[in-house]
């Protein structure tokens, strides 16, 4: 069975490791290409976009893909929407491996917003020291709020100037609680901006903010059309082997 895994998350890498060597599957992991030198997976892989819905349809047809697993980042809404449309056009089964959103815990001081423009506005007019834990592509809305100090952590050194004045940390996760608590303390951060990525691989900054009593501007996940979804690699493997999800089995 030819399986396309749309990657970009720790979950996708875990799935690739779980499926490697299984003679039932001929799997390929696709990276969007936003990160330089991505971690090489143990299965075949490719880097780059497909050229929209039509390009993805052509790829699926050409490579004789039988199943697609969307294990992209929860904020990769466009890629997920393209996968839904392309798979529907070719009647190819699609399953999303999507980690559950974070849940507010005791001690959390969340300010929940719907987008990054609203997140920038939520910082207010008074100058603050802000950690932007949102990646490189969503920084522009904060550029017009120049009164704040910004700390940005990026996987790769940018090849062009950032759209805002910010201090940068270049580091590749996953990050741990002790390290993120030290980072927030050393830079005297008083508010964190984060995407609701969910899962454990990006949660250290949320846990550190909770321990330090810092507010977090939490950007809700973007809308993605309805699709079958599961939260664990084990459920994906069961779907690939038996063609059903726990919901379909009535579990």
Protein backbone atom coordinates (compact mmCIF):
# COMPACT_ATOMS: atom_id res chain seq x y z
CA UNK A 1 0.00 0.00 0.00
CA UNK A 2 1.43 3.39 -1.02
CA UNK A 3 0.94 5.85 1.85
CA UNK A 4 1.64 9.59 1.79
CA UNK A 5 2.32 11.16 5.18
CA UNK A 6 2.00 14.93 5.17
CA UNK A 7 4.55 15.92 7.78
CA UNK A 8 5.71 18.93 9.73
CA UNK A 9 5.01 17.72 13.25
CA UNK A 10 6.60 15.46 15.84
CA UNK A 11 3.62 13.15 15.34
CA UNK A 12 4.55 12.66 11.67
CA UNK A 13 8.10 11.70 12.64
CA UNK A 14 6.79 9.21 15.19
CA UNK A 15 4.51 7.68 12.57
CA UNK A 16 7.41 7.36 10.14
CA UNK A 17 9.45 5.55 12.79
CA UNK A 18 6.52 3.23 13.56
CA UNK A 19 5.90 2.30 9.93
CA UNK A 20 9.49 1.79 8.78
CA UNK A 21 10.31 -1.77 7.77
CA UNK A 22 6.67 -2.86 7.64
CA UNK A 23 6.40 -4.76 4.34
CA UNK A 24 2.72 -3.90 4.03
CA UNK A 25 3.44 -0.25 3.36
CA UNK A 26 5.45 1.82 0.91
CA UNK A 27 5.37 5.16 2.72
CA UNK A 28 6.76 8.59 1.91
CA UNK A 29 6.94 11.56 4.27
CA UNK A 30 6.43 15.01 2.76
CA UNK A 31 7.91 18.12 4.36
CA UNK A 32 6.64 21.59 3.44
CA UNK A 33 10.20 22.93 3.27
CA UNK A 34 9.88 25.77 5.77
CA UNK A 35 12.65 24.34 7.93
CA UNK A 36 16.17 23.96 6.61
CA UNK A 37 17.84 20.60 7.07
CA UNK A 38 14.83 18.80 8.54
CA UNK A 39 15.48 15.68 10.55
CA UNK A 40 15.92 12.89 8.04
CA UNK A 41 13.17 10.31 8.59
CA UNK A 42 13.74 6.56 8.37
CA UNK A 43 11.45 6.29 5.32
CA UNK A 44 11.46 7.86 1.86
CA UNK A 45 10.83 11.60 1.94
CA UNK A 46 10.36 14.69 -0.17
CA UNK A 47 10.53 18.45 0.48
CA UNK A 48 8.39 21.24 -0.96
CA UNK A 49 4.84 22.09 -1.91
CA UNK A 50 2.72 20.29 -4.48
CA UNK A 51 1.43 23.29 -6.43
CA UNK A 52 -2.01 23.66 -4.92
CA UNK A 53 -4.89 21.22 -5.07
CA UNK A 54 -4.35 20.35 -8.74
CA UNK A 55 -0.66 19.68 -8.13
CA UNK A 56 -1.46 17.43 -5.21
CA UNK A 57 -4.02 15.54 -7.29
CA UNK A 58 -1.40 15.00 -9.97
CA UNK A 59 1.10 13.77 -7.39
CA UNK A 60 -1.34 11.35 -5.77
CA UNK A 61 -2.31 9.94 -9.14
CA UNK A 62 1.26 9.71 -10.45
CA UNK A 63 2.62 8.00 -7.33
CA UNK A 64 -0.42 5.70 -7.04
CA UNK A 65 -1.05 6.81 -3.46
CA UNK A 66 -3.66 4.60 -1.79
CA UNK A 67 -3.99 6.42 1.55
CA UNK A 68 -3.05 9.83 2.93
CA UNK A 69 -2.27 10.66 6.54
CA UNK A 70 -2.36 14.37 7.33
CA UNK A 71 0.10 14.79 10.19
CA UNK A 72 0.86 18.45 9.51
CA UNK A 73 1.00 21.11 12.22
CA UNK A 74 -2.48 22.06 13.50
CA UNK A 75 -1.95 25.54 12.02
CA UNK A 76 -1.15 24.26 8.51
CA UNK A 77 -4.78 24.85 7.57
CA UNK A 78 -4.19 25.44 3.85
CA UNK A 79 -2.30 22.18 3.36
CA UNK A 80 -4.97 20.29 5.27
CA UNK A 81 -7.74 21.84 3.17
CA UNK A 82 -5.85 20.95 -0.01
CA UNK A 83 -5.48 17.37 1.18
CA UNK A 84 -9.21 17.11 1.87
CA UNK A 85 -10.08 18.41 -1.59
CA UNK A 86 -7.50 16.31 -3.47
CA UNK A 87 -8.38 13.09 -1.68
CA UNK A 88 -12.08 13.69 -2.25
CA UNK A 89 -11.46 14.25 -5.97
CA UNK A 90 -9.68 10.90 -6.28
CA UNK A 91 -11.71 8.99 -3.64
CA UNK A 92 -8.52 8.32 -1.65
CA UNK A 93 -9.07 7.65 2.07
CA UNK A 94 -7.69 10.43 4.28
CA UNK A 95 -7.03 10.43 8.01
CA UNK A 96 -5.75 13.31 10.13
CA UNK A 97 -3.31 12.59 12.94
CA UNK A 98 -4.10 15.63 15.04
CA UNK A 99 -3.02 16.12 18.62
CA UNK A 100 -5.66 17.34 21.05
CA UNK A 101 -5.67 21.07 21.89
CA UNK A 102 -4.16 22.14 25.19
CA UNK A 103 -6.55 22.37 28.09
CA UNK A 104 -6.46 25.24 30.55
CA UNK A 105 -5.09 24.12 33.93
CA UNK A 106 -5.12 25.65 37.38
CA UNK A 107 -2.75 28.60 37.38
CA UNK A 108 -3.04 29.31 33.66
CA UNK A 109 -3.71 32.94 32.72
CA UNK A 110 -4.80 32.60 29.12
CA UNK A 111 -6.08 35.35 26.86
CA UNK A 112 -7.65 33.39 23.99
CA UNK A 113 -7.83 35.04 20.55
CA UNK A 114 -8.77 33.91 17.05
CA UNK A 115 -5.80 35.14 15.02
CA UNK A 116 -2.38 36.76 15.19
CA UNK A 117 -3.64 40.30 14.55
CA UNK A 118 -5.83 39.93 17.64
CA UNK A 119 -2.88 38.49 19.54
CA UNK A 120 -0.77 41.56 18.77
CA UNK A 121 -3.60 43.85 19.86
CA UNK A 122 -4.05 41.88 23.09
CA UNK A 123 -0.57 42.91 24.23
CA UNK A 124 -1.92 46.40 24.89
CA UNK A 125 -0.37 49.84 24.66
CA UNK A 126 1.94 49.62 27.69
CA UNK A 127 5.42 48.35 26.74
CA UNK A 128 5.93 44.69 27.62
CA UNK A 129 8.61 42.03 27.24
CA UNK A 130 7.08 39.44 24.95
CA UNK A 131 8.12 35.93 23.98
CA UNK A 132 6.65 35.11 20.56
CA UNK A 133 6.50 31.32 20.51
CA UNK A 134 4.73 31.24 17.15
CA UNK A 135 7.35 30.56 14.47
CA UNK A 136 8.70 32.85 11.77
CA UNK A 137 5.77 33.16 9.36
CA UNK A 138 3.34 34.83 11.77
CA UNK A 139 5.49 37.69 13.04
CA UNK A 140 4.29 40.49 10.74
CA UNK A 141 1.16 41.48 12.74
CA UNK A 142 3.39 42.45 15.67
CA UNK A 143 5.59 44.82 13.67
CA UNK A 144 3.27 47.79 14.14
CA UNK A 145 3.34 47.38 17.92
CA UNK A 146 6.86 48.71 18.33
CA UNK A 147 6.52 49.62 21.99
CA UNK A 148 7.22 46.04 23.06
CA UNK A 149 10.44 44.06 23.40
CA UNK A 150 10.17 40.83 21.42
CA UNK A 151 12.04 37.57 21.86
CA UNK A 152 11.70 35.10 19.00
CA UNK A 153 12.92 31.50 18.92
CA UNK A 154 13.54 30.09 15.44
CA UNK A 155 14.74 26.74 14.14
CA UNK A 156 16.92 28.31 11.42
CA UNK A 157 18.85 31.54 11.07
CA UNK A 158 16.67 33.70 8.78
CA UNK A 159 18.10 34.64 5.38
CA UNK A 160 16.21 37.96 5.34
CA UNK A 161 15.48 40.51 8.06
CA UNK A 162 12.53 39.74 10.29
CA UNK A 163 9.47 41.96 9.83
CA UNK A 164 9.94 43.36 13.35
CA UNK A 165 12.75 44.31 15.68
CA UNK A 166 13.37 41.29 17.88
CA UNK A 167 16.05 39.40 19.71
CA UNK A 168 16.48 35.89 18.32
CA UNK A 169 17.30 32.51 19.75
CA UNK A 170 18.20 29.87 17.17
CA UNK A 171 17.39 26.44 18.56
CA UNK A 172 15.66 23.24 17.53
CA UNK A 173 13.14 21.58 19.85
CA UNK A 174 11.69 19.76 21.57
CA UNK A 175 12.31 22.01 24.59
CA UNK A 176 11.96 21.11 28.25
CA UNK A 177 10.37 22.88 31.17
CA UNK A 178 13.63 23.78 32.92
CA UNK A 179 15.10 25.31 29.78
CA UNK A 180 12.02 27.35 28.91
CA UNK A 181 11.61 28.54 32.50
CA UNK A 182 15.23 29.73 32.44
CA UNK A 183 14.73 31.44 29.06
CA UNK A 184 11.66 33.35 30.23
CA UNK A 185 13.40 34.33 33.46
CA UNK A 186 16.72 35.34 31.89
CA UNK A 187 15.00 37.60 29.34
CA UNK A 188 12.58 38.98 31.97
CA UNK A 189 9.61 38.02 29.79
CA UNK A 190 6.29 39.15 31.23
CA UNK A 191 3.88 37.73 28.60
CA UNK A 192 3.96 34.81 26.16
CA UNK A 193 2.23 34.53 22.78
CA UNK A 194 1.63 30.95 21.62
CA UNK A 195 -0.32 28.92 19.11
CA UNK A 196 -2.56 26.18 20.47
CA UNK A 197 -0.36 23.46 19.02
CA UNK A 198 -1.35 20.86 21.60
CA UNK A 199 0.66 17.78 22.48
CA UNK A 200 3.83 17.51 24.53
CA UNK A 201 6.58 18.57 22.13
CA UNK A 202 5.76 22.31 22.33
CA UNK A 203 4.16 22.53 25.77
CA UNK A 204 7.23 23.49 27.83
CA UNK A 205 6.72 27.24 27.31
CA UNK A 206 3.10 26.94 28.46
CA UNK A 207 4.11 25.01 31.56
CA UNK A 208 6.91 27.48 32.29
CA UNK A 209 4.53 30.44 31.97
CA UNK A 210 2.14 28.70 34.38
CA UNK A 211 4.88 28.16 36.95
CA UNK A 212 6.06 31.77 36.64
CA UNK A 213 2.53 33.20 36.77
CA UNK A 214 2.84 34.79 33.32
CA UNK A 215 -0.16 35.49 31.08
CA UNK A 216 -0.31 33.66 27.75
CA UNK A 217 -2.01 35.04 24.66
CA UNK A 218 -3.26 31.78 23.16
CA UNK A 219 -4.15 31.79 19.46
CA UNK A 220 -6.94 29.33 18.73
CA UNK A 221 -6.56 26.84 15.90
CA UNK A 222 -7.72 27.86 12.43
CA UNK A 223 -10.79 26.33 10.84
CA UNK A 224 -10.25 23.09 8.93
CA UNK A 225 -13.14 21.34 7.14
CA UNK A 226 -14.49 18.19 8.75
CA UNK A 227 -12.46 15.01 8.24
CA UNK A 228 -11.72 11.76 10.00
CA UNK A 229 -9.15 12.32 12.72
CA UNK A 230 -7.33 10.43 15.46
CA UNK A 231 -4.85 11.51 18.10
CA UNK A 232 -2.32 8.66 18.29
CA UNK A 233 0.08 6.83 16.00
CA UNK A 234 -1.40 3.52 17.15
CA UNK A 235 -4.81 4.57 15.81
CA UNK A 236 -3.29 5.53 12.46
CA UNK A 237 -1.61 2.12 12.17
CA UNK A 238 -4.90 0.41 12.99
CA UNK A 239 -6.61 2.44 10.27
CA UNK A 240 -3.94 1.59 7.74
CA UNK A 241 -4.12 -2.11 8.59
CA UNK A 242 -7.85 -2.51 9.07
CA UNK A 243 -9.40 0.50 7.41
CA UNK A 244 -11.33 1.82 10.39
CA UNK A 245 -10.95 4.35 13.17
CA UNK A 246 -12.08 3.88 16.78
CA UNK A 247 -15.14 6.04 16.03
CA UNK A 248 -16.12 3.77 13.14
CA UNK A 249 -15.80 0.73 15.40
CA UNK A 250 -18.07 2.40 17.93
CA UNK A 251 -15.30 2.72 20.51
